[in-house]
Amino acid sequence: MPLLYLAVSLLVVAVAAWLINAFIPMPGNIKSIVNLVLLLIVVGAFLWLINTYVPMANSIKAILNIVVVVATIVYVLKVVGLWEHVVGLWDSITQNWTFRRRV
């Protein structure tokens, strides 16, 4: 029964994404945020499906979860437009740390 719920929810997400991107007029930034929310629903369903039905060691499952969550966070930051700021902050932190270490 949970797999049926998953299939129905993914079908609803696909129809919503199709309607939003093809027929419903909205500004570009609102459309990208709605698509982002729909993507997060799909990623969550994917992780639930893997964690529930794929038999693997807990350590491998934890690594897979971490990789998927980090990739999703990077994608969200890129969509929102904050990724360049995070990279710039990281560069400034590492340059200052390298400079202090040499002195």
N, C-alpha and C. Protein backbone atom coordinates (compact mmCIF):
# COMPACT_ATOMS: atom_id res chain seq x y z
N MET A 1 0.80 -1.20 0.00
CA MET A 1 0.00 0.00 0.00
C MET A 1 0.85 1.27 0.00
N PRO A 2 1.98 1.33 0.75
CA PRO A 2 2.80 2.54 0.70
C PRO A 2 3.35 2.82 -0.70
N LEU A 3 3.64 1.77 -1.46
CA LEU A 3 4.14 1.99 -2.81
C LEU A 3 3.07 2.61 -3.70
N LEU A 4 1.82 2.24 -3.46
CA LEU A 4 0.72 2.86 -4.20
C LEU A 4 0.61 4.34 -3.86
N TYR A 5 0.73 4.66 -2.58
CA TYR A 5 0.71 6.07 -2.17
C TYR A 5 1.86 6.84 -2.80
N LEU A 6 3.02 6.21 -2.84
CA LEU A 6 4.18 6.85 -3.46
C LEU A 6 3.95 7.09 -4.94
N ALA A 7 3.42 6.11 -5.64
CA ALA A 7 3.15 6.26 -7.06
C ALA A 7 2.13 7.36 -7.32
N VAL A 8 1.08 7.40 -6.52
CA VAL A 8 0.05 8.43 -6.68
C VAL A 8 0.63 9.81 -6.38
N SER A 9 1.45 9.93 -5.34
CA SER A 9 2.02 11.23 -5.01
C SER A 9 3.00 11.70 -6.09
N LEU A 10 3.80 10.80 -6.65
CA LEU A 10 4.71 11.19 -7.72
C LEU A 10 3.94 11.56 -8.99
N LEU A 11 2.83 10.89 -9.23
CA LEU A 11 1.98 11.26 -10.36
C LEU A 11 1.37 12.65 -10.16
N VAL A 12 0.94 12.95 -8.95
CA VAL A 12 0.40 14.28 -8.65
C VAL A 12 1.48 15.34 -8.81
N VAL A 13 2.70 15.05 -8.36
CA VAL A 13 3.80 16.00 -8.52
C VAL A 13 4.11 16.23 -9.99
N ALA A 14 4.11 15.16 -10.78
CA ALA A 14 4.39 15.29 -12.22
C ALA A 14 3.31 16.11 -12.92
N VAL A 15 2.06 15.88 -12.59
CA VAL A 15 0.97 16.65 -13.20
C VAL A 15 1.05 18.11 -12.76
N ALA A 16 1.34 18.34 -11.50
CA ALA A 16 1.47 19.73 -11.02
C ALA A 16 2.61 20.44 -11.72
N ALA A 17 3.74 19.77 -11.88
CA ALA A 17 4.87 20.39 -12.57
C ALA A 17 4.53 20.68 -14.03
N TRP A 18 3.84 19.76 -14.68
CA TRP A 18 3.44 19.97 -16.07
C TRP A 18 2.49 21.16 -16.19
N LEU A 19 1.50 21.22 -15.31
CA LEU A 19 0.55 22.34 -15.36
C LEU A 19 1.23 23.68 -15.08
N ILE A 20 2.09 23.69 -14.09
CA ILE A 20 2.76 24.95 -13.72
C ILE A 20 3.68 25.43 -14.83
N ASN A 21 4.43 24.52 -15.43
CA ASN A 21 5.39 24.93 -16.45
C ASN A 21 4.77 25.17 -17.81
N ALA A 22 3.61 24.58 -18.09
CA ALA A 22 3.02 24.71 -19.42
C ALA A 22 1.86 25.68 -19.50
N PHE A 23 1.01 25.72 -18.49
CA PHE A 23 -0.23 26.44 -18.65
C PHE A 23 -0.47 27.59 -17.68
N ILE A 24 0.03 27.51 -16.49
CA ILE A 24 -0.26 28.53 -15.47
C ILE A 24 0.77 29.65 -15.58
N PRO A 25 0.32 30.86 -15.90
CA PRO A 25 1.28 31.97 -16.00
C PRO A 25 1.66 32.48 -14.60
N MET A 26 2.95 32.53 -14.35
CA MET A 26 3.47 33.13 -13.12
C MET A 26 4.87 33.64 -13.39
N PRO A 27 5.32 34.57 -12.55
CA PRO A 27 6.69 35.10 -12.74
C PRO A 27 7.73 33.99 -12.65
N GLY A 28 8.86 34.24 -13.29
CA GLY A 28 9.92 33.23 -13.36
C GLY A 28 10.46 32.81 -12.01
N ASN A 29 10.62 33.77 -11.08
CA ASN A 29 11.18 33.41 -9.78
C ASN A 29 10.21 32.58 -8.95
N ILE A 30 8.91 32.85 -9.07
CA ILE A 30 7.92 32.04 -8.36
C ILE A 30 7.87 30.63 -8.96
N LYS A 31 7.96 30.56 -10.27
CA LYS A 31 7.92 29.26 -10.95
C LYS A 31 9.13 28.40 -10.55
N SER A 32 10.29 29.03 -10.43
CA SER A 32 11.47 28.26 -10.03
C SER A 32 11.37 27.78 -8.59
N ILE A 33 10.76 28.57 -7.72
CA ILE A 33 10.60 28.14 -6.32
C ILE A 33 9.60 26.98 -6.23
N VAL A 34 8.51 27.06 -7.00
CA VAL A 34 7.53 25.97 -7.01
C VAL A 34 8.17 24.70 -7.56
N ASN A 35 8.94 24.83 -8.63
CA ASN A 35 9.65 23.66 -9.17
C ASN A 35 10.64 23.10 -8.16
N LEU A 36 11.26 23.97 -7.39
CA LEU A 36 12.19 23.53 -6.36
C LEU A 36 11.47 22.73 -5.28
N VAL A 37 10.31 23.20 -4.86
CA VAL A 37 9.53 22.47 -3.85
C VAL A 37 9.11 21.10 -4.38
N LEU A 38 8.68 21.07 -5.64
CA LEU A 38 8.31 19.79 -6.24
C LEU A 38 9.51 18.84 -6.33
N LEU A 39 10.68 19.40 -6.64
CA LEU A 39 11.89 18.58 -6.68
C LEU A 39 12.23 18.03 -5.30
N LEU A 40 12.06 18.84 -4.27
CA LEU A 40 12.34 18.37 -2.92
C LEU A 40 11.40 17.23 -2.52
N ILE A 41 10.16 17.30 -2.98
CA ILE A 41 9.22 16.20 -2.72
C ILE A 41 9.70 14.92 -3.40
N VAL A 42 10.16 15.04 -4.64
CA VAL A 42 10.63 13.87 -5.38
C VAL A 42 11.90 13.30 -4.75
N VAL A 43 12.82 14.16 -4.34
CA VAL A 43 14.05 13.68 -3.69
C VAL A 43 13.74 12.99 -2.37
N GLY A 44 12.81 13.56 -1.61
CA GLY A 44 12.41 12.92 -0.35
C GLY A 44 11.78 11.56 -0.59
N ALA A 45 10.94 11.46 -1.61
CA ALA A 45 10.32 10.17 -1.94
C ALA A 45 11.38 9.17 -2.38
N PHE A 46 12.35 9.63 -3.15
CA PHE A 46 13.44 8.76 -3.58
C PHE A 46 14.24 8.23 -2.39
N LEU A 47 14.58 9.12 -1.46
CA LEU A 47 15.34 8.67 -0.29
C LEU A 47 14.53 7.71 0.57
N TRP A 48 13.23 7.99 0.72
CA TRP A 48 12.39 7.08 1.49
C TRP A 48 12.34 5.71 0.83
N LEU A 49 12.20 5.71 -0.49
CA LEU A 49 12.12 4.45 -1.23
C LEU A 49 13.41 3.65 -1.08
N ILE A 50 14.53 4.30 -1.22
CA ILE A 50 15.83 3.62 -1.07
C ILE A 50 16.01 3.11 0.36
N ASN A 51 15.71 3.97 1.35
CA ASN A 51 15.92 3.56 2.75
C ASN A 51 14.98 2.45 3.18
N THR A 52 13.81 2.37 2.57
CA THR A 52 12.83 1.38 2.99
C THR A 52 12.99 0.05 2.27
N TYR A 53 13.21 0.09 0.97
CA TYR A 53 13.10 -1.13 0.17
C TYR A 53 14.40 -1.67 -0.40
N VAL A 54 15.49 -0.96 -0.32
CA VAL A 54 16.75 -1.47 -0.86
C VAL A 54 17.60 -2.00 0.29
N PRO A 55 17.88 -3.29 0.28
CA PRO A 55 18.69 -3.85 1.36
C PRO A 55 20.18 -3.54 1.15
N MET A 56 20.73 -2.81 2.08
CA MET A 56 22.16 -2.50 2.06
C MET A 56 22.62 -2.22 3.48
N ALA A 57 23.91 -2.21 3.66
CA ALA A 57 24.46 -1.96 4.99
C ALA A 57 24.10 -0.55 5.44
N ASN A 58 23.93 -0.39 6.74
CA ASN A 58 23.54 0.91 7.28
C ASN A 58 24.58 1.98 7.01
N SER A 59 25.86 1.61 6.99
CA SER A 59 26.90 2.61 6.74
C SER A 59 26.82 3.12 5.30
N ILE A 60 26.58 2.22 4.36
CA ILE A 60 26.44 2.65 2.96
C ILE A 60 25.19 3.48 2.78
N LYS A 61 24.12 3.11 3.46
CA LYS A 61 22.87 3.86 3.38
C LYS A 61 23.07 5.27 3.95
N ALA A 62 23.82 5.39 5.03
CA ALA A 62 24.08 6.70 5.62
C ALA A 62 24.91 7.57 4.68
N ILE A 63 25.92 6.97 4.05
CA ILE A 63 26.74 7.72 3.09
C ILE A 63 25.89 8.17 1.91
N LEU A 64 25.03 7.31 1.40
CA LEU A 64 24.14 7.68 0.30
C LEU A 64 23.21 8.82 0.70
N ASN A 65 22.66 8.76 1.90
CA ASN A 65 21.80 9.84 2.37
C ASN A 65 22.54 11.16 2.47
N ILE A 66 23.76 11.12 2.98
CA ILE A 66 24.55 12.34 3.11
C ILE A 66 24.86 12.93 1.74
N VAL A 67 25.25 12.09 0.79
CA VAL A 67 25.57 12.56 -0.56
C VAL A 67 24.35 13.20 -1.21
N VAL A 68 23.20 12.55 -1.09
CA VAL A 68 21.98 13.09 -1.71
C VAL A 68 21.57 14.40 -1.04
N VAL A 69 21.66 14.48 0.27
CA VAL A 69 21.30 15.72 0.97
C VAL A 69 22.25 16.85 0.62
N VAL A 70 23.54 16.59 0.56
CA VAL A 70 24.51 17.64 0.20
C VAL A 70 24.29 18.11 -1.24
N ALA A 71 24.06 17.17 -2.15
CA ALA A 71 23.78 17.55 -3.54
C ALA A 71 22.50 18.36 -3.65
N THR A 72 21.50 18.01 -2.88
CA THR A 72 20.25 18.77 -2.89
C THR A 72 20.46 20.16 -2.32
N ILE A 73 21.24 20.29 -1.27
CA ILE A 73 21.53 21.61 -0.69
C ILE A 73 22.27 22.48 -1.69
N VAL A 74 23.24 21.92 -2.39
CA VAL A 74 23.98 22.68 -3.40
C VAL A 74 23.04 23.13 -4.50
N TYR A 75 22.15 22.25 -4.94
CA TYR A 75 21.20 22.61 -6.00
C TYR A 75 20.24 23.71 -5.53
N VAL A 76 19.77 23.61 -4.30
CA VAL A 76 18.88 24.65 -3.76
C VAL A 76 19.60 25.98 -3.69
N LEU A 77 20.84 25.97 -3.24
CA LEU A 77 21.60 27.22 -3.18
C LEU A 77 21.82 27.81 -4.56
N LYS A 78 22.03 26.96 -5.57
CA LYS A 78 22.19 27.46 -6.94
C LYS A 78 20.90 28.05 -7.46
N VAL A 79 19.78 27.40 -7.21
CA VAL A 79 18.49 27.90 -7.70
C VAL A 79 18.14 29.22 -7.04
N VAL A 80 18.40 29.34 -5.75
CA VAL A 80 18.07 30.56 -5.02
C VAL A 80 19.06 31.67 -5.36
N GLY A 81 20.25 31.32 -5.83
CA GLY A 81 21.23 32.33 -6.21
C GLY A 81 22.25 32.63 -5.14
N LEU A 82 22.38 31.75 -4.18
CA LEU A 82 23.32 31.98 -3.08
C LEU A 82 24.62 31.18 -3.21
N TRP A 83 24.72 30.32 -4.22
CA TRP A 83 25.88 29.46 -4.33
C TRP A 83 27.16 30.26 -4.55
N GLU A 84 27.10 31.29 -5.38
CA GLU A 84 28.29 32.11 -5.63
C GLU A 84 28.76 32.79 -4.35
N HIS A 85 27.82 33.21 -3.52
CA HIS A 85 28.19 33.85 -2.25
C HIS A 85 28.85 32.84 -1.30
N VAL A 86 28.35 31.62 -1.29
CA VAL A 86 28.94 30.58 -0.43
C VAL A 86 30.36 30.26 -0.89
N VAL A 87 30.55 30.14 -2.21
CA VAL A 87 31.88 29.86 -2.75
C VAL A 87 32.83 31.02 -2.45
N GLY A 88 32.34 32.25 -2.61
CA GLY A 88 33.18 33.41 -2.30
C GLY A 88 33.55 33.47 -0.83
N LEU A 89 32.61 33.15 0.04
CA LEU A 89 32.89 33.12 1.47
C LEU A 89 33.92 32.04 1.79
N TRP A 90 33.76 30.87 1.16
CA TRP A 90 34.72 29.79 1.38
C TRP A 90 36.12 30.20 0.90
N ASP A 91 36.19 30.86 -0.25
CA ASP A 91 37.48 31.31 -0.76
C ASP A 91 38.13 32.32 0.18
N SER A 92 37.34 33.26 0.69
CA SER A 92 37.92 34.26 1.59
C SER A 92 38.36 33.62 2.90
N ILE A 93 37.64 32.66 3.40
CA ILE A 93 38.03 31.99 4.64
C ILE A 93 39.31 31.19 4.44
N THR A 94 39.39 30.44 3.34
CA THR A 94 40.57 29.60 3.12
C THR A 94 41.79 30.44 2.77
N GLN A 95 41.62 31.56 2.08
CA GLN A 95 42.76 32.43 1.78
C GLN A 95 43.30 33.06 3.04
N ASN A 96 42.42 33.50 3.94
CA ASN A 96 42.88 34.08 5.20
C ASN A 96 43.56 33.04 6.07
N TRP A 97 43.05 31.82 6.07
CA TRP A 97 43.63 30.76 6.88
C TRP A 97 45.01 30.38 6.32
N THR A 98 45.15 30.34 5.00
CA THR A 98 46.43 30.01 4.39
C THR A 98 47.45 31.10 4.66
N PHE A 99 47.00 32.36 4.59
CA PHE A 99 47.90 33.48 4.83
C PHE A 99 48.39 33.47 6.29
N ARG A 100 47.52 33.22 7.23
CA ARG A 100 47.91 33.20 8.65
C ARG A 100 48.83 32.02 8.94
N ARG A 101 48.63 30.93 8.24
CA ARG A 101 49.43 29.74 8.49
C ARG A 101 50.87 29.96 8.01
N ARG A 102 51.05 30.70 6.92
CA ARG A 102 52.41 30.93 6.39
C ARG A 102 53.21 31.88 7.26
N VAL A 103 52.55 32.80 7.90
CA VAL A 103 53.25 33.83 8.67
C VAL A 103 53.70 33.32 9.98
